N, C-alpha and C. Protein backbone atom coordinates (compact mmCIF):
# COMPACT_ATOMS: atom_id res chain seq x y z
N UNK A 1 105.14 120.54 84.50
CA UNK A 1 104.28 119.72 83.74
C UNK A 1 103.73 120.70 82.68
N UNK A 2 103.93 120.26 81.39
CA UNK A 2 103.41 121.38 80.10
C UNK A 2 102.16 121.11 79.93
N UNK A 3 101.50 119.77 79.70
CA UNK A 3 100.20 119.76 79.51
C UNK A 3 99.40 119.25 80.62
N UNK A 4 99.34 120.22 81.56
CA UNK A 4 98.62 120.06 82.98
C UNK A 4 97.02 119.82 82.52
N UNK A 5 96.48 120.65 81.72
CA UNK A 5 95.04 120.56 81.38
C UNK A 5 94.65 119.19 81.11
N UNK A 6 95.33 118.64 80.09
CA UNK A 6 94.88 117.27 79.68
C UNK A 6 95.18 116.27 80.92
N UNK A 7 96.18 116.38 81.54
CA UNK A 7 96.59 115.46 82.88
C UNK A 7 95.43 115.58 83.79
N UNK A 8 94.94 116.81 83.88
CA UNK A 8 93.67 116.91 85.07
C UNK A 8 92.65 116.58 84.60
N UNK A 9 92.04 116.52 83.16
CA UNK A 9 90.86 116.06 82.72
C UNK A 9 91.01 114.57 82.72
N UNK A 10 92.19 114.03 82.60
CA UNK A 10 92.14 112.64 82.75
C UNK A 10 91.95 111.98 84.29
N UNK A 11 92.76 112.81 85.09
CA UNK A 11 92.41 112.64 86.61
C UNK A 11 90.82 112.78 87.05
N UNK A 12 90.25 113.72 86.46
CA UNK A 12 88.84 114.04 86.69
C UNK A 12 87.87 112.81 86.04
N UNK A 13 88.21 112.53 84.87
CA UNK A 13 87.45 111.26 84.33
C UNK A 13 87.78 110.11 85.32
N UNK A 14 89.15 109.84 85.75
CA UNK A 14 89.20 108.76 86.63
C UNK A 14 88.45 108.83 87.82
N UNK A 15 88.59 109.84 88.38
CA UNK A 15 87.93 110.02 89.94
C UNK A 15 86.47 109.83 89.80
N UNK A 16 85.84 110.48 88.68
CA UNK A 16 84.36 110.56 88.76
C UNK A 16 83.67 109.53 87.75
N UNK A 17 84.70 108.84 86.91
CA UNK A 17 84.06 107.82 86.01
C UNK A 17 83.28 108.38 85.03
N UNK A 18 84.03 109.63 84.53
CA UNK A 18 82.94 110.28 83.40
C UNK A 18 83.97 110.37 82.01
N UNK A 19 83.42 111.04 81.26
CA UNK A 19 84.07 111.12 79.76
C UNK A 19 84.43 112.65 79.59
N UNK A 20 85.33 113.09 78.79
CA UNK A 20 85.38 114.44 78.55
C UNK A 20 84.48 115.36 78.34
N UNK A 21 83.45 114.82 77.73
CA UNK A 21 82.25 115.55 77.23
C UNK A 21 81.36 115.92 78.55
N UNK A 22 81.51 115.18 79.49
CA UNK A 22 80.92 115.50 80.89
C UNK A 22 81.74 116.41 81.90
N UNK A 23 82.87 116.88 81.56
CA UNK A 23 83.63 117.90 82.28
C UNK A 23 83.38 119.09 81.48
N UNK A 24 82.90 120.21 82.17
CA UNK A 24 82.80 121.49 81.75
C UNK A 24 83.29 122.62 82.65
N UNK A 25 83.84 123.78 81.86
CA UNK A 25 84.41 124.88 82.46
C UNK A 25 85.46 124.65 83.16
N UNK A 26 86.37 124.12 82.60
CA UNK A 26 87.80 123.57 83.32
C UNK A 26 88.42 125.04 83.00
N UNK A 27 88.65 125.62 84.30
CA UNK A 27 89.45 126.92 84.27
C UNK A 27 90.40 126.98 85.12
N UNK A 28 91.56 127.48 84.63
CA UNK A 28 92.80 127.80 85.62
C UNK A 28 92.55 129.10 86.68
N UNK A 29 92.63 128.73 87.85
CA UNK A 29 92.47 129.79 88.92
C UNK A 29 93.76 130.54 89.50
N UNK A 30 94.79 130.00 88.64
CA UNK A 30 95.86 130.76 88.83
C UNK A 30 96.66 130.41 90.30
N UNK A 31 97.82 131.01 90.30
CA UNK A 31 98.73 130.70 91.57
C UNK A 31 99.87 129.86 91.21
N UNK A 32 100.58 129.47 92.21
CA UNK A 32 101.89 128.89 91.94
C UNK A 32 101.83 127.45 91.68
N UNK A 33 100.61 126.78 92.19
CA UNK A 33 100.24 125.59 91.84
C UNK A 33 99.38 125.46 90.73
N UNK A 34 98.91 124.07 90.12
CA UNK A 34 98.12 123.86 89.32
C UNK A 34 96.64 123.98 89.86
N UNK A 35 95.85 124.87 89.74
CA UNK A 35 94.61 125.00 90.61
C UNK A 35 93.51 125.48 89.46
N UNK A 36 92.49 124.26 89.28
CA UNK A 36 91.41 124.62 88.37
C UNK A 36 90.17 124.21 88.94
N UNK A 37 89.11 125.13 88.46
CA UNK A 37 87.73 124.72 88.67
C UNK A 37 87.10 124.02 87.66
N UNK A 38 86.15 123.35 87.83
CA UNK A 38 85.44 122.73 86.85
C UNK A 38 84.09 122.13 87.35
N UNK A 39 83.29 121.59 86.25
CA UNK A 39 81.70 121.16 86.57
C UNK A 39 81.71 119.77 86.22
N UNK A 40 81.22 118.89 86.96
CA UNK A 40 80.78 117.54 86.53
C UNK A 40 79.40 117.54 87.17
N UNK A 41 78.62 116.88 86.44
CA UNK A 41 77.23 116.36 86.94
C UNK A 41 76.63 117.54 87.65
N UNK A 42 76.60 118.77 87.14
CA UNK A 42 76.02 120.13 87.81
C UNK A 42 76.65 120.29 88.88
N UNK A 43 77.66 119.82 89.61
CA UNK A 43 78.46 120.26 90.56
C UNK A 43 79.64 121.02 90.27
N UNK A 44 80.17 122.05 90.99
CA UNK A 44 81.25 122.64 90.92
C UNK A 44 82.37 122.33 91.73
N UNK A 45 83.77 122.28 91.19
CA UNK A 45 84.82 121.62 91.99
C UNK A 45 85.92 122.13 91.82
N UNK A 46 86.95 121.98 92.58
CA UNK A 46 88.36 122.49 92.34
C UNK A 46 89.31 121.32 92.56
N UNK A 47 90.30 121.22 91.56
CA UNK A 47 91.26 120.09 91.52
C UNK A 47 92.66 121.10 91.68
N UNK A 48 93.57 120.46 92.36
CA UNK A 48 94.69 121.14 92.64
C UNK A 48 95.71 119.90 92.40
N UNK A 49 97.04 120.45 91.56
CA UNK A 49 98.13 119.47 91.47
C UNK A 49 99.33 120.45 91.70
N UNK A 50 100.16 119.98 92.70
CA UNK A 50 101.25 120.80 93.09
C UNK A 50 102.18 120.60 91.73
N UNK A 51 102.85 122.03 91.67
CA UNK A 51 103.74 122.30 90.57
C UNK A 51 105.05 121.67 90.97
N UNK A 52 105.99 121.38 90.03
CA UNK A 52 107.23 120.74 90.19
C UNK A 52 108.03 121.52 91.17
N UNK A 53 107.93 122.99 91.25
CA UNK A 53 108.44 123.97 92.11
C UNK A 53 107.98 124.05 93.52
N UNK A 54 106.86 123.60 93.65
CA UNK A 54 106.28 123.94 95.04
C UNK A 54 106.90 123.17 96.14
N UNK A 55 106.70 124.19 97.47
CA UNK A 55 107.54 123.75 98.68
C UNK A 55 106.45 123.15 99.57
N UNK A 56 105.32 122.75 99.10
CA UNK A 56 104.17 122.17 99.88
C UNK A 56 104.46 120.67 100.10
N UNK A 57 104.01 120.22 101.25
CA UNK A 57 104.19 118.65 101.54
C UNK A 57 102.78 118.04 101.42
N UNK A 58 102.37 117.23 100.66
CA UNK A 58 101.00 116.66 100.46
C UNK A 58 100.61 115.88 101.58
N UNK A 59 101.77 115.35 102.31
CA UNK A 59 101.38 114.14 103.24
C UNK A 59 101.05 115.09 104.68
N UNK A 60 101.61 116.22 104.76
CA UNK A 60 101.45 117.09 105.89
C UNK A 60 100.12 117.79 105.66
N UNK A 61 99.62 118.35 104.33
CA UNK A 61 98.67 118.95 104.26
C UNK A 61 97.46 117.88 104.36
N UNK A 62 97.60 116.81 104.01
CA UNK A 62 96.33 115.81 104.30
C UNK A 62 96.17 115.40 105.66
N UNK A 63 97.39 115.23 106.55
CA UNK A 63 97.41 115.22 108.02
C UNK A 63 96.72 116.37 108.55
N UNK A 64 96.86 117.56 108.14
CA UNK A 64 96.19 118.86 108.76
C UNK A 64 94.59 118.82 108.20
N UNK A 65 94.23 118.50 106.94
CA UNK A 65 92.97 118.27 106.89
C UNK A 65 92.32 117.38 107.79
N UNK A 66 92.81 116.12 107.85
CA UNK A 66 92.31 115.19 108.81
C UNK A 66 92.08 115.59 110.19
N UNK A 67 93.25 116.26 110.83
CA UNK A 67 93.13 116.82 111.90
C UNK A 67 91.90 117.85 112.24
N UNK A 68 91.64 118.45 111.18
CA UNK A 68 90.59 119.63 111.25
C UNK A 68 89.20 119.18 110.74
N UNK A 69 89.29 118.03 110.29
CA UNK A 69 87.90 117.74 109.59
C UNK A 69 86.77 117.76 110.68
N UNK A 70 86.94 117.14 111.97
CA UNK A 70 85.92 117.31 112.78
C UNK A 70 85.46 118.81 113.30
N UNK A 71 86.13 119.63 113.07
CA UNK A 71 85.74 121.10 113.49
C UNK A 71 85.02 121.80 112.29
N UNK A 72 84.69 121.13 111.10
CA UNK A 72 84.11 121.79 110.16
C UNK A 72 84.43 123.13 109.76
N UNK A 73 86.05 123.36 109.73
CA UNK A 73 86.58 124.62 109.34
C UNK A 73 87.42 124.60 107.88
N UNK A 74 87.28 123.34 107.44
CA UNK A 74 88.22 123.23 106.17
C UNK A 74 87.24 122.87 104.97
N UNK A 75 87.71 123.02 103.57
CA UNK A 75 87.04 122.63 102.48
C UNK A 75 86.47 121.18 102.69
N UNK A 76 85.47 121.07 101.78
CA UNK A 76 84.89 119.66 101.81
C UNK A 76 85.75 118.72 100.85
N UNK A 77 86.92 118.09 101.44
CA UNK A 77 87.82 117.31 100.76
C UNK A 77 87.12 116.26 100.39
N UNK A 78 86.86 115.79 99.05
CA UNK A 78 86.58 114.61 98.51
C UNK A 78 87.23 113.70 98.00
N UNK A 79 88.53 114.02 97.45
CA UNK A 79 89.59 113.28 96.70
C UNK A 79 90.85 113.87 97.09
N UNK A 80 91.92 112.88 97.63
CA UNK A 80 93.12 113.14 98.00
C UNK A 80 94.05 112.22 97.67
N UNK A 81 94.93 112.22 96.50
CA UNK A 81 95.62 111.09 96.14
C UNK A 81 96.89 111.64 95.18
N UNK A 82 98.06 111.00 95.24
CA UNK A 82 99.14 111.70 94.32
C UNK A 82 99.05 112.99 94.07
N UNK A 83 99.08 113.91 95.19
CA UNK A 83 99.21 115.38 94.85
C UNK A 83 97.97 115.94 94.36
N UNK A 84 96.89 115.07 94.05
CA UNK A 84 95.47 115.73 93.55
C UNK A 84 94.67 116.00 94.72
N UNK A 85 94.09 117.12 94.97
CA UNK A 85 93.28 117.53 95.86
C UNK A 85 91.93 118.14 95.38
N UNK A 86 90.76 117.43 95.59
CA UNK A 86 89.70 118.02 94.82
C UNK A 86 88.63 118.31 95.97
N UNK A 87 88.23 119.76 95.62
CA UNK A 87 87.43 120.26 96.63
C UNK A 87 85.99 120.72 96.27
N UNK A 88 84.99 120.16 96.86
CA UNK A 88 83.56 120.46 96.45
C UNK A 88 83.34 122.06 96.61
N UNK A 89 82.70 122.70 95.76
CA UNK A 89 82.38 124.26 95.67
C UNK A 89 80.88 124.29 95.99
N UNK A 90 80.62 125.27 97.11
CA UNK A 90 79.06 125.20 97.39
C UNK A 90 78.89 126.73 97.31
């Protein structure tokens, strides 16, 4: 996916119901997947989109998050859909 940044901006707008001007500091965190940090409404988040070459399986990752949620040892997962994972940063 060559235009990942605009794609992620559109996903952030859709998830939060905000406009581009309300999204700040969209920054690539590197790695083999598309992982970006950003700020919306004075809160910092991370959004992750699997790359086309990723060997990860989103359904298994989501199941693992659901299994571990009650132990409070995972990230605060606030949105998980279509290969997009958004994590609150504290």
